[in-house]
Amino acid sequence: MGLQDADANDAGFGARIRSAIFWRSGSQILSQVISWGVTLAVIRLLDPADYGLFAMTQVILNFATFLNGYGLVSALVQSDSVEPHRLRQAFGIMLLLNGSLALFQLGIAPLAADYYDQPMVADLLRVQALLYLSTPFISIPEAIMGRALDFKRPALVNLIAAAASAAVALTGAVSGWGVWTLVFAPITGFWVKAAGYVIVTGFRPIPSFDLRGTGAMVAYGASLLGGQLFWIVQSQADIFIGGRVLEPHQLGLYAEALFLTQIFVSKFVPPLNDVAFPAYARMQKDVSRVSWSFCKAVKLLLLLTCPIYLGMAVTSESLVETLFGQKWLDMAPFVSILALAMPFMTLQVMFAPVSNALGRPGTTARVAAAGAVLMPAAFLIGIRFGAIGLAWAWLAAFPVLTVITARLAGGPMGLRFADLIRAAAPGLGCSVLMAGAVIAANMLLPPLPAPIRLAILVPIGGLAYLGALLLCARGTFKELVELLVRRRAPAQAIA
């Protein structure tokens, strides 16, 4: 009877994870569809220089954000139980931290403008300080939902926030706000999400500044800061280095190429990791189960994303001209190079929730430290060749960082390189075959307008990928189909 109860618990837990993935990723996908549709219209109206200036502010914003207290949220998710008073304490700490960050950004704004030699940067940063003040109202409800694996209720909030942000973006672009369009749109989205999360979770935003008994929570959050700081250094070094050397126009081309190629790894993988963290935390006593589930997640995610990345690489000119217009065509070479680095990045960022869930945030910090050394060094070399050198730095350095990550983070869960290679092989190998077919078809096509050429190449690539899967990875293809149609699957298979 005990064994039957355990099986029933596993089945119920697996169903909750599948539901969480559906609602979290489903709402994210729909939100992004709204956002992308408006973004494409906005990009056609704004200039690359606007995006270059905006990218400069993001370096400062992201650098300060690592202190916004989200580590406390991870501590709340991992803890066995959370009392209402503990939530009020966490909310009080978040208010203090983020209010201080807003003041810090106001003070540092003129220094950032001097560094980039762009006076507009100071004004942009001052207004963007409003973003920090919304964080406490988002993070604590997220902790409540994360513990319960409940992502259904806030799914509607995400959609409303995306629609509000998109409306402001479109209004600003049409009204000639220029770079301010890129500032006011996310501020709107953050504050709408903050209000919505508080409402749907029933969280009462009443802070407690009595910090007694918060030592363990603060210590866990502080242990994540090192990794977050190193990650900020790694991820923002290219703009920080390039922004001082390049003109806003060139920086804007590079930054938007990076945005385009990172859409899937930055927008879809984090929601999956949000679900994976509490799921791995529940499995932490069974390390072999964690390793097996991780490999399953790697195989299925790369099976979905690799054809997109390699498809971007081999159709970059048609893709950029179709989506962004002629004035962005110089962005195509950046897209071709950066897209080839993204499968490695997708794999690399999947390790963090495993390490954190196993109670090893130090591993995440060591991985991030390696990236904080390797990537800036690569960018310092690459910038000698201009903006395109930054793109080549990604392709040269990120595979090395992925190998380092697999060695450091894979060991505690008993992950072998052979298992990881076998998990990645179907998606990557079949995508290479697909890319070859698309290149051949592109060479055979006569001169055509970019949208028509892209409309021909995409189905060819899809059929080629499907054929490669049926020929070389039929079993893996069957697993993917079962996942997409949400048929009955073992609870272990969901990570």
Protein backbone atom coordinates (compact mmCIF):
# COMPACT_ATOMS: atom_id res chain seq x y z
CA MET A 1 0.00 0.00 0.00
CA GLY A 2 2.89 2.33 0.79
CA LEU A 3 4.36 1.71 -2.67
CA GLN A 4 1.03 2.48 -4.31
CA ASP A 5 0.79 5.73 -2.35
CA ALA A 6 4.28 6.70 -3.49
CA ASP A 7 3.39 5.95 -7.11
CA ALA A 8 0.21 8.00 -6.78
CA ASN A 9 2.18 10.88 -5.29
CA ASP A 10 4.71 10.71 -8.14
CA ALA A 11 1.91 10.69 -10.72
CA GLY A 12 0.21 13.63 -9.06
CA PHE A 13 3.48 15.54 -8.81
CA GLY A 14 4.23 14.89 -12.49
CA ALA A 15 0.76 16.14 -13.45
CA ARG A 16 1.33 19.34 -11.46
CA ILE A 17 4.64 19.92 -13.21
CA ARG A 18 3.09 19.39 -16.63
CA SER A 19 0.32 21.83 -15.73
CA ALA A 20 2.87 24.36 -14.48
CA ILE A 21 4.88 24.11 -17.69
CA PHE A 22 1.74 24.48 -19.77
CA TRP A 23 0.51 27.61 -18.01
CA ARG A 24 3.92 29.22 -17.42
CA SER A 25 5.29 28.61 -20.90
CA GLY A 26 1.92 28.94 -22.61
CA SER A 27 1.28 32.39 -21.21
CA GLN A 28 4.89 33.34 -21.94
CA ILE A 29 4.57 32.26 -25.56
CA LEU A 30 1.33 34.15 -26.08
CA SER A 31 2.76 37.22 -24.32
CA GLN A 32 5.79 37.10 -26.57
CA VAL A 33 3.65 36.75 -29.69
CA ILE A 34 1.95 40.02 -28.69
CA SER A 35 5.27 41.62 -27.84
CA TRP A 36 7.02 40.50 -31.03
CA GLY A 37 4.24 41.68 -33.27
CA VAL A 38 4.49 45.17 -31.82
CA THR A 39 8.30 45.03 -31.60
CA LEU A 40 8.59 44.38 -35.33
CA ALA A 41 6.42 47.41 -36.03
CA VAL A 42 8.39 49.55 -33.56
CA ILE A 43 11.77 48.52 -34.96
CA ARG A 44 10.71 49.63 -38.41
CA LEU A 45 9.87 53.08 -37.03
CA LEU A 46 12.89 53.56 -34.75
CA ASP A 47 16.55 53.81 -35.74
CA PRO A 48 19.44 51.48 -34.80
CA ALA A 49 20.97 54.39 -32.85
CA ASP A 50 17.91 54.40 -30.53
CA TYR A 51 18.57 50.77 -29.69
CA GLY A 52 22.26 51.51 -29.20
CA LEU A 53 21.48 54.17 -26.58
CA PHE A 54 18.98 51.88 -24.89
CA ALA A 55 21.55 49.06 -24.76
CA MET A 56 23.97 51.37 -22.94
CA THR A 57 21.42 51.96 -20.18
CA GLN A 58 20.76 48.24 -19.83
CA VAL A 59 24.33 47.63 -18.73
CA ILE A 60 23.80 49.86 -15.70
CA LEU A 61 20.28 48.59 -15.05
CA ASN A 62 21.27 44.94 -15.18
CA PHE A 63 24.37 45.49 -13.09
CA ALA A 64 22.32 47.07 -10.30
CA THR A 65 19.52 44.53 -10.60
CA PHE A 66 21.65 41.70 -9.21
CA LEU A 67 21.15 43.34 -5.79
CA ASN A 68 17.35 43.47 -6.05
CA GLY A 69 16.85 40.60 -3.61
CA TYR A 70 15.53 37.88 -5.90
CA GLY A 71 17.76 35.44 -4.04
CA LEU A 72 15.33 35.79 -1.15
CA VAL A 73 12.61 34.49 -3.42
CA SER A 74 14.66 31.38 -4.18
CA ALA A 75 15.10 30.85 -0.44
CA LEU A 76 11.34 31.06 0.07
CA VAL A 77 10.70 28.55 -2.71
CA GLN A 78 13.23 26.04 -1.36
CA SER A 79 12.19 26.27 2.32
CA ASP A 80 9.91 23.58 3.75
CA SER A 81 7.24 26.05 4.89
CA VAL A 82 6.66 29.79 4.76
CA GLU A 83 4.65 31.65 7.38
CA PRO A 84 2.79 34.90 6.56
CA HIS A 85 5.13 36.82 8.85
CA ARG A 86 8.13 35.53 6.87
CA LEU A 87 6.53 36.81 3.66
CA ARG A 88 6.05 40.24 5.24
CA GLN A 89 9.68 40.25 6.34
CA ALA A 90 10.84 39.35 2.85
CA PHE A 91 8.64 42.07 1.40
CA GLY A 92 10.13 44.62 3.80
CA ILE A 93 13.66 43.65 2.82
CA MET A 94 12.75 43.87 -0.87
CA LEU A 95 11.35 47.38 -0.38
CA LEU A 96 14.55 48.53 1.33
CA LEU A 97 16.83 46.97 -1.26
CA ASN A 98 14.99 48.20 -4.33
CA GLY A 99 14.39 51.69 -2.96
CA SER A 100 18.13 51.94 -2.37
CA LEU A 101 18.83 50.72 -5.90
CA ALA A 102 16.55 53.39 -7.35
CA LEU A 103 18.46 56.08 -5.44
CA PHE A 104 21.78 54.56 -6.48
CA GLN A 105 20.81 54.69 -10.15
CA LEU A 106 19.78 58.33 -9.86
CA GLY A 107 23.21 59.11 -8.49
CA ILE A 108 25.23 57.10 -10.99
CA ALA A 109 23.34 58.31 -14.09
CA PRO A 110 25.66 61.28 -14.87
CA LEU A 111 28.76 59.08 -14.50
CA ALA A 112 27.36 56.55 -16.96
CA ALA A 113 26.61 59.31 -19.46
CA ASP A 114 30.20 60.57 -19.18
CA TYR A 115 31.62 57.06 -19.69
CA TYR A 116 29.68 56.54 -22.92
CA ASP A 117 29.98 60.21 -23.95
CA GLN A 118 26.21 60.20 -24.50
CA PRO A 119 24.35 62.82 -22.36
CA MET A 120 20.97 61.25 -23.14
CA VAL A 121 21.96 58.14 -21.17
CA ALA A 122 21.66 60.05 -17.86
CA ASP A 123 18.04 61.08 -18.51
CA LEU A 124 17.08 57.57 -19.57
CA LEU A 125 18.57 56.01 -16.45
CA ARG A 126 16.77 58.44 -14.13
CA VAL A 127 13.38 57.44 -15.48
CA GLN A 128 14.25 53.72 -15.54
CA ALA A 129 14.77 53.83 -11.77
CA LEU A 130 10.99 53.37 -11.52
CA LEU A 131 11.48 49.73 -12.52
CA TYR A 132 13.09 48.83 -9.19
CA LEU A 133 10.10 50.02 -7.18
CA SER A 134 7.83 47.46 -8.85
CA THR A 135 10.08 44.50 -8.00
CA PRO A 136 8.85 43.78 -4.43
CA PHE A 137 5.24 43.59 -5.63
CA ILE A 138 6.23 41.03 -8.29
CA SER A 139 8.79 38.88 -6.50
CA ILE A 140 6.88 37.87 -3.35
CA PRO A 141 3.75 36.73 -5.24
CA GLU A 142 6.09 34.81 -7.58
CA ALA A 143 7.49 32.99 -4.56
CA ILE A 144 3.98 32.08 -3.43
CA MET A 145 3.13 30.72 -6.88
CA GLY A 146 6.46 28.95 -7.32
CA ARG A 147 6.05 26.98 -4.11
CA ALA A 148 2.59 25.85 -5.18
CA LEU A 149 3.62 25.22 -8.81
CA ASP A 150 0.63 27.46 -9.57
CA PHE A 151 1.08 29.43 -12.77
CA LYS A 152 -2.50 29.36 -14.02
CA ARG A 153 -3.88 32.39 -12.16
CA PRO A 154 -1.10 34.83 -13.08
CA ALA A 155 -1.07 33.68 -16.72
CA LEU A 156 -3.81 36.20 -17.52
CA VAL A 157 -1.84 38.91 -15.71
CA ASN A 158 1.19 38.24 -17.91
CA LEU A 159 -0.96 38.63 -21.00
CA ILE A 160 -2.51 41.88 -19.78
CA ALA A 161 0.91 43.27 -18.86
CA ALA A 162 2.28 42.31 -22.28
CA ALA A 163 -0.67 43.97 -24.01
CA ALA A 164 -0.27 47.17 -21.95
CA SER A 165 3.46 47.33 -22.66
CA ALA A 166 2.87 46.70 -26.35
CA ALA A 167 0.24 49.44 -26.52
CA VAL A 168 2.62 51.98 -25.01
CA ALA A 169 5.43 50.87 -27.34
CA LEU A 170 3.30 51.22 -30.44
CA THR A 171 1.92 54.58 -29.31
CA GLY A 172 5.41 55.90 -28.61
CA ALA A 173 6.86 54.75 -31.90
CA VAL A 174 4.02 56.26 -33.93
CA SER A 175 4.11 59.48 -31.90
CA GLY A 176 7.83 60.02 -32.42
CA TRP A 177 9.06 59.36 -28.88
CA GLY A 178 12.23 57.77 -30.25
CA VAL A 179 14.35 56.00 -27.63
CA TRP A 180 11.83 56.93 -24.91
CA THR A 181 9.50 54.38 -26.46
CA LEU A 182 11.91 51.66 -25.28
CA VAL A 183 11.89 53.11 -21.76
CA PHE A 184 8.21 53.69 -21.06
CA ALA A 185 6.96 50.39 -22.52
CA PRO A 186 8.72 48.06 -20.04
CA ILE A 187 7.94 50.37 -17.11
CA THR A 188 4.26 50.03 -17.97
CA GLY A 189 4.52 46.25 -18.27
CA PHE A 190 6.30 45.86 -14.94
CA TRP A 191 3.80 47.95 -12.99
CA VAL A 192 0.76 46.30 -14.56
CA LYS A 193 2.27 42.90 -13.70
CA ALA A 194 2.98 44.06 -10.14
CA ALA A 195 -0.61 45.15 -9.58
CA GLY A 196 -2.01 42.02 -11.20
CA TYR A 197 0.17 39.59 -9.24
CA VAL A 198 -0.84 41.15 -5.95
CA ILE A 199 -4.52 40.86 -6.88
CA VAL A 200 -4.54 37.27 -8.19
CA THR A 201 -2.46 35.84 -5.35
CA GLY A 202 -4.24 37.77 -2.61
CA PHE A 203 -0.90 38.90 -1.21
CA ARG A 204 -1.25 41.77 1.25
CA PRO A 205 1.68 44.15 0.61
CA ILE A 206 2.22 45.04 4.25
CA PRO A 207 5.93 45.00 5.05
CA SER A 208 7.60 44.02 8.28
CA PHE A 209 10.94 45.60 9.08
CA ASP A 210 11.49 43.32 12.06
CA LEU A 211 14.37 41.28 10.65
CA ARG A 212 14.71 38.83 13.53
CA GLY A 213 14.80 35.24 12.30
CA THR A 214 15.64 36.14 8.68
CA GLY A 215 19.29 35.12 8.93
CA ALA A 216 18.97 31.84 7.03
CA MET A 217 16.87 33.40 4.29
CA VAL A 218 19.26 36.33 3.86
CA ALA A 219 22.29 34.02 3.94
CA TYR A 220 20.84 31.83 1.17
CA GLY A 221 20.01 34.88 -0.93
CA ALA A 222 23.48 36.33 -0.32
CA SER A 223 25.07 33.05 -1.42
CA LEU A 224 23.47 33.53 -4.82
CA LEU A 225 24.77 37.07 -5.21
CA GLY A 226 28.23 36.00 -6.29
CA GLY A 227 26.85 33.96 -9.14
CA GLN A 228 24.47 36.73 -10.14
CA LEU A 229 27.22 39.35 -10.10
CA PHE A 230 29.47 37.18 -12.23
CA TRP A 231 26.57 36.55 -14.61
CA ILE A 232 25.99 40.28 -14.99
CA VAL A 233 29.68 40.80 -15.78
CA GLN A 234 29.55 37.99 -18.33
CA SER A 235 26.32 39.05 -20.03
CA GLN A 236 26.89 42.82 -20.08
CA ALA A 237 30.61 42.97 -20.86
CA ASP A 238 30.05 43.15 -24.62
CA ILE A 239 27.90 46.29 -24.47
CA PHE A 240 30.06 47.83 -21.73
CA ILE A 241 33.19 47.32 -23.83
CA GLY A 242 31.61 48.03 -27.21
CA GLY A 243 29.57 51.03 -26.05
CA ARG A 244 32.70 53.05 -25.37
CA VAL A 245 34.22 52.24 -28.77
CA LEU A 246 31.33 51.91 -31.21
CA GLU A 247 28.88 54.50 -32.48
CA PRO A 248 25.27 54.00 -31.31
CA HIS A 249 24.28 52.88 -34.83
CA GLN A 250 26.74 49.97 -34.93
CA LEU A 251 26.06 49.07 -31.33
CA GLY A 252 22.34 49.05 -32.10
CA LEU A 253 22.82 46.60 -34.98
CA TYR A 254 24.82 44.25 -32.77
CA ALA A 255 22.46 44.59 -29.80
CA GLU A 256 19.36 43.84 -31.84
CA ALA A 257 21.02 40.87 -33.55
CA LEU A 258 21.80 39.53 -30.09
CA PHE A 259 18.21 40.19 -29.01
CA LEU A 260 16.83 38.35 -32.05
CA THR A 261 19.03 35.29 -31.66
CA GLN A 262 18.51 35.13 -27.87
CA ILE A 263 14.72 35.34 -28.02
CA PHE A 264 14.20 31.66 -27.33
CA VAL A 265 16.95 31.18 -24.77
CA SER A 266 16.03 34.35 -22.87
CA LYS A 267 12.23 34.21 -23.13
CA PHE A 268 11.35 30.51 -23.12
CA VAL A 269 14.10 28.79 -21.16
CA PRO A 270 13.68 30.94 -17.99
CA PRO A 271 9.99 29.99 -17.62
CA LEU A 272 10.98 26.34 -17.92
CA ASN A 273 13.71 26.89 -15.34
CA ASP A 274 11.13 28.53 -13.05
CA VAL A 275 9.26 25.24 -13.08
CA ALA A 276 12.43 23.11 -13.07
CA PHE A 277 13.81 24.64 -9.87
CA PRO A 278 11.03 23.50 -7.51
CA ALA A 279 10.75 20.23 -9.45
CA TYR A 280 14.45 19.42 -9.03
CA ALA A 281 14.23 20.54 -5.40
CA ARG A 282 11.59 17.85 -4.80
CA MET A 283 13.91 15.24 -6.38
CA GLN A 284 17.13 16.31 -4.64
CA LYS A 285 17.31 13.16 -2.48
CA ASP A 286 17.41 11.00 -5.63
CA VAL A 287 20.41 12.29 -7.58
CA SER A 288 20.16 9.68 -10.34
CA ARG A 289 16.60 10.77 -10.98
CA VAL A 290 17.75 14.40 -11.28
CA SER A 291 20.44 13.45 -13.80
CA TRP A 292 18.03 11.36 -15.86
CA SER A 293 15.41 14.11 -15.87
CA PHE A 294 17.99 16.74 -16.79
CA CYS A 295 19.18 14.77 -19.83
CA LYS A 296 15.57 14.26 -20.90
CA ALA A 297 14.96 18.01 -20.65
CA VAL A 298 18.14 18.76 -22.64
CA LYS A 299 17.18 16.37 -25.41
CA LEU A 300 13.66 17.69 -25.82
CA LEU A 301 14.56 21.38 -25.54
CA LEU A 302 17.42 21.20 -28.05
CA LEU A 303 15.17 19.20 -30.34
CA LEU A 304 12.83 22.21 -30.39
CA THR A 305 15.35 25.05 -30.43
CA CYS A 306 18.31 23.90 -32.55
CA PRO A 307 16.42 24.00 -35.87
CA ILE A 308 15.34 27.54 -35.04
CA TYR A 309 18.88 28.68 -34.27
CA LEU A 310 20.47 27.09 -37.32
CA GLY A 311 17.56 28.20 -39.46
CA MET A 312 18.24 31.80 -38.39
CA ALA A 313 21.91 31.38 -39.28
CA VAL A 314 21.34 30.20 -42.84
CA THR A 315 18.46 32.57 -43.70
CA SER A 316 19.71 35.68 -41.91
CA GLU A 317 19.53 38.12 -44.85
CA SER A 318 15.99 37.19 -45.84
CA LEU A 319 14.94 37.01 -42.21
CA VAL A 320 16.27 40.44 -41.25
CA GLU A 321 14.96 42.19 -44.34
CA THR A 322 11.53 40.59 -43.94
CA LEU A 323 11.16 41.31 -40.23
CA PHE A 324 13.00 44.62 -39.81
CA GLY A 325 13.20 46.22 -43.23
CA GLN A 326 16.00 47.37 -45.53
CA LYS A 327 17.61 49.82 -43.07
CA TRP A 328 18.43 46.89 -40.76
CA LEU A 329 19.96 44.66 -43.45
CA ASP A 330 23.51 45.26 -42.14
CA MET A 331 22.43 43.28 -39.09
CA ALA A 332 22.33 39.99 -41.05
CA PRO A 333 26.02 39.00 -40.61
CA PHE A 334 25.68 39.43 -36.84
CA VAL A 335 22.62 37.16 -36.80
CA SER A 336 24.40 34.42 -38.78
CA ILE A 337 27.28 34.25 -36.31
CA LEU A 338 25.38 34.72 -33.06
CA ALA A 339 22.71 32.15 -33.92
CA LEU A 340 25.37 29.44 -34.09
CA ALA A 341 26.37 30.18 -30.49
CA MET A 342 22.85 29.95 -29.08
CA PRO A 343 22.54 26.12 -28.82
CA PHE A 344 25.50 26.21 -26.44
CA MET A 345 23.95 29.02 -24.42
CA THR A 346 20.64 27.16 -24.18
CA LEU A 347 22.39 24.12 -22.78
CA GLN A 348 24.59 26.15 -20.43
CA VAL A 349 21.77 28.06 -18.70
CA MET A 350 19.86 24.85 -17.98
CA PHE A 351 22.39 23.84 -15.31
CA ALA A 352 21.71 26.68 -12.84
CA PRO A 353 18.32 25.51 -11.48
CA VAL A 354 19.73 22.02 -10.92
CA SER A 355 22.67 23.28 -8.85
CA ASN A 356 20.48 25.66 -6.84
CA ALA A 357 17.80 23.02 -6.24
CA LEU A 358 20.44 20.57 -4.97
CA GLY A 359 21.51 23.20 -2.44
CA ARG A 360 24.75 24.01 -4.27
CA PRO A 361 24.53 27.71 -5.19
CA GLY A 362 28.30 27.82 -4.89
CA THR A 363 28.53 25.72 -8.04
CA THR A 364 26.45 28.27 -9.91
CA ALA A 365 28.77 30.98 -8.61
CA ARG A 366 31.89 29.13 -9.81
CA VAL A 367 30.37 28.62 -13.24
CA ALA A 368 29.44 32.29 -13.43
CA ALA A 369 32.94 33.27 -12.31
CA ALA A 370 34.42 31.28 -15.18
CA GLY A 371 32.09 33.10 -17.59
CA ALA A 372 32.95 36.46 -16.03
CA VAL A 373 36.60 35.86 -16.93
CA LEU A 374 36.23 34.06 -20.25
CA MET A 375 33.60 36.20 -21.99
CA PRO A 376 35.03 39.69 -21.25
CA ALA A 377 38.46 38.45 -22.36
CA ALA A 378 36.90 37.25 -25.62
CA PHE A 379 35.09 40.58 -26.10
CA LEU A 380 38.26 42.58 -25.48
CA ILE A 381 39.92 40.62 -28.27
CA GLY A 382 36.89 40.75 -30.54
CA ILE A 383 36.31 44.52 -30.29
CA ARG A 384 39.59 45.05 -32.13
CA PHE A 385 37.70 43.92 -35.22
CA GLY A 386 34.69 46.16 -34.60
CA ALA A 387 31.15 45.15 -33.80
CA ILE A 388 31.41 41.94 -35.82
CA GLY A 389 34.28 40.90 -33.58
CA LEU A 390 31.90 40.87 -30.60
CA ALA A 391 29.72 38.36 -32.44
CA TRP A 392 32.69 36.12 -33.23
CA ALA A 393 33.68 36.28 -29.56
CA TRP A 394 30.37 34.65 -28.65
CA LEU A 395 30.89 31.78 -31.07
CA ALA A 396 34.50 31.22 -30.01
CA ALA A 397 34.05 31.41 -26.24
CA PHE A 398 30.60 30.04 -25.39
CA PRO A 399 31.25 26.40 -26.39
CA VAL A 400 34.24 26.49 -24.04
CA LEU A 401 32.09 27.93 -21.24
CA THR A 402 29.48 25.21 -21.79
CA VAL A 403 32.09 22.47 -21.36
CA ILE A 404 33.32 24.12 -18.15
CA THR A 405 29.75 24.35 -16.88
CA ALA A 406 29.01 20.70 -17.62
CA ARG A 407 32.11 19.65 -15.72
CA LEU A 408 31.46 21.82 -12.64
CA ALA A 409 27.67 21.49 -12.38
CA GLY A 410 27.27 17.99 -13.80
CA GLY A 411 29.49 16.27 -11.27
CA PRO A 412 27.23 16.67 -8.19
CA MET A 413 24.34 15.00 -10.00
CA GLY A 414 26.48 12.25 -11.54
CA LEU A 415 26.11 13.55 -15.08
CA ARG A 416 28.56 12.08 -17.59
CA PHE A 417 29.72 13.89 -20.73
CA ALA A 418 28.67 10.89 -22.80
CA ASP A 419 25.11 11.16 -21.49
CA LEU A 420 25.00 14.87 -22.23
CA ILE A 421 26.33 14.39 -25.76
CA ARG A 422 23.77 11.67 -26.43
CA ALA A 423 21.02 13.97 -25.19
CA ALA A 424 22.12 16.88 -27.39
CA ALA A 425 22.96 14.85 -30.50
CA PRO A 426 19.47 14.35 -32.03
CA GLY A 427 18.49 18.02 -32.06
CA LEU A 428 21.89 19.36 -33.08
CA GLY A 429 22.70 16.66 -35.63
CA CYS A 430 19.34 16.79 -37.42
CA SER A 431 19.47 20.59 -37.44
CA VAL A 432 22.85 20.52 -39.19
CA LEU A 433 21.35 18.31 -41.88
CA MET A 434 18.42 20.70 -42.19
CA ALA A 435 20.74 23.70 -42.49
CA GLY A 436 22.61 22.00 -45.33
CA ALA A 437 19.35 21.44 -47.21
CA VAL A 438 18.30 25.09 -46.74
CA ILE A 439 21.69 26.39 -47.95
CA ALA A 440 21.44 24.22 -51.07
CA ALA A 441 17.88 25.38 -51.77
CA ASN A 442 18.86 29.02 -51.26
CA MET A 443 21.65 28.69 -53.82
CA LEU A 444 19.28 27.19 -56.38
CA LEU A 445 16.56 29.83 -56.01
CA PRO A 446 16.46 32.70 -58.51
CA PRO A 447 16.51 36.34 -57.25
CA LEU A 448 13.32 36.87 -55.24
CA PRO A 449 11.98 39.43 -52.74
CA ALA A 450 13.07 38.59 -49.22
CA PRO A 451 9.61 37.65 -47.88
CA ILE A 452 8.98 35.26 -50.77
CA ARG A 453 12.43 33.69 -50.45
CA LEU A 454 11.91 33.22 -46.71
CA ALA A 455 8.43 31.77 -47.27
CA ILE A 456 10.00 29.13 -49.53
CA LEU A 457 13.02 28.32 -47.37
CA VAL A 458 11.13 27.88 -44.09
CA PRO A 459 8.92 24.98 -45.31
CA ILE A 460 11.92 23.39 -47.00
CA GLY A 461 13.79 23.56 -43.71
CA GLY A 462 10.85 22.18 -41.77
CA LEU A 463 10.44 19.21 -44.11
CA ALA A 464 14.18 18.57 -44.14
CA TYR A 465 14.27 18.56 -40.33
CA LEU A 466 11.28 16.26 -40.09
CA GLY A 467 12.90 13.90 -42.59
CA ALA A 468 16.18 13.93 -40.67
CA LEU A 469 14.36 13.12 -37.42
CA LEU A 470 12.42 10.23 -38.96
CA LEU A 471 15.60 8.90 -40.56
CA CYS A 472 18.09 9.38 -37.71
CA ALA A 473 16.12 9.86 -34.48
CA ARG A 474 12.71 8.25 -34.79
CA GLY A 475 12.46 7.38 -31.09
CA THR A 476 13.32 10.90 -30.02
CA PHE A 477 10.77 12.31 -32.47
CA LYS A 478 8.12 10.10 -30.89
CA GLU A 479 8.99 11.46 -27.43
CA LEU A 480 8.66 15.01 -28.74
CA VAL A 481 5.26 14.33 -30.24
CA GLU A 482 4.05 12.78 -26.99
CA LEU A 483 5.22 15.83 -25.05
CA LEU A 484 3.56 18.31 -27.41
CA VAL A 485 0.21 16.53 -27.42
CA ARG A 486 0.51 15.97 -23.64
CA ARG A 487 -0.07 12.25 -23.77
CA ARG A 488 0.56 10.05 -20.77
CA ALA A 489 4.28 10.16 -19.90
CA PRO A 490 6.35 9.08 -16.91
CA ALA A 491 6.52 11.73 -14.21
CA GLN A 492 10.32 11.44 -14.33
CA ALA A 493 10.37 12.69 -17.89
CA ILE A 494 9.21 16.13 -16.91
CA ALA A 495 11.97 18.35 -15.56
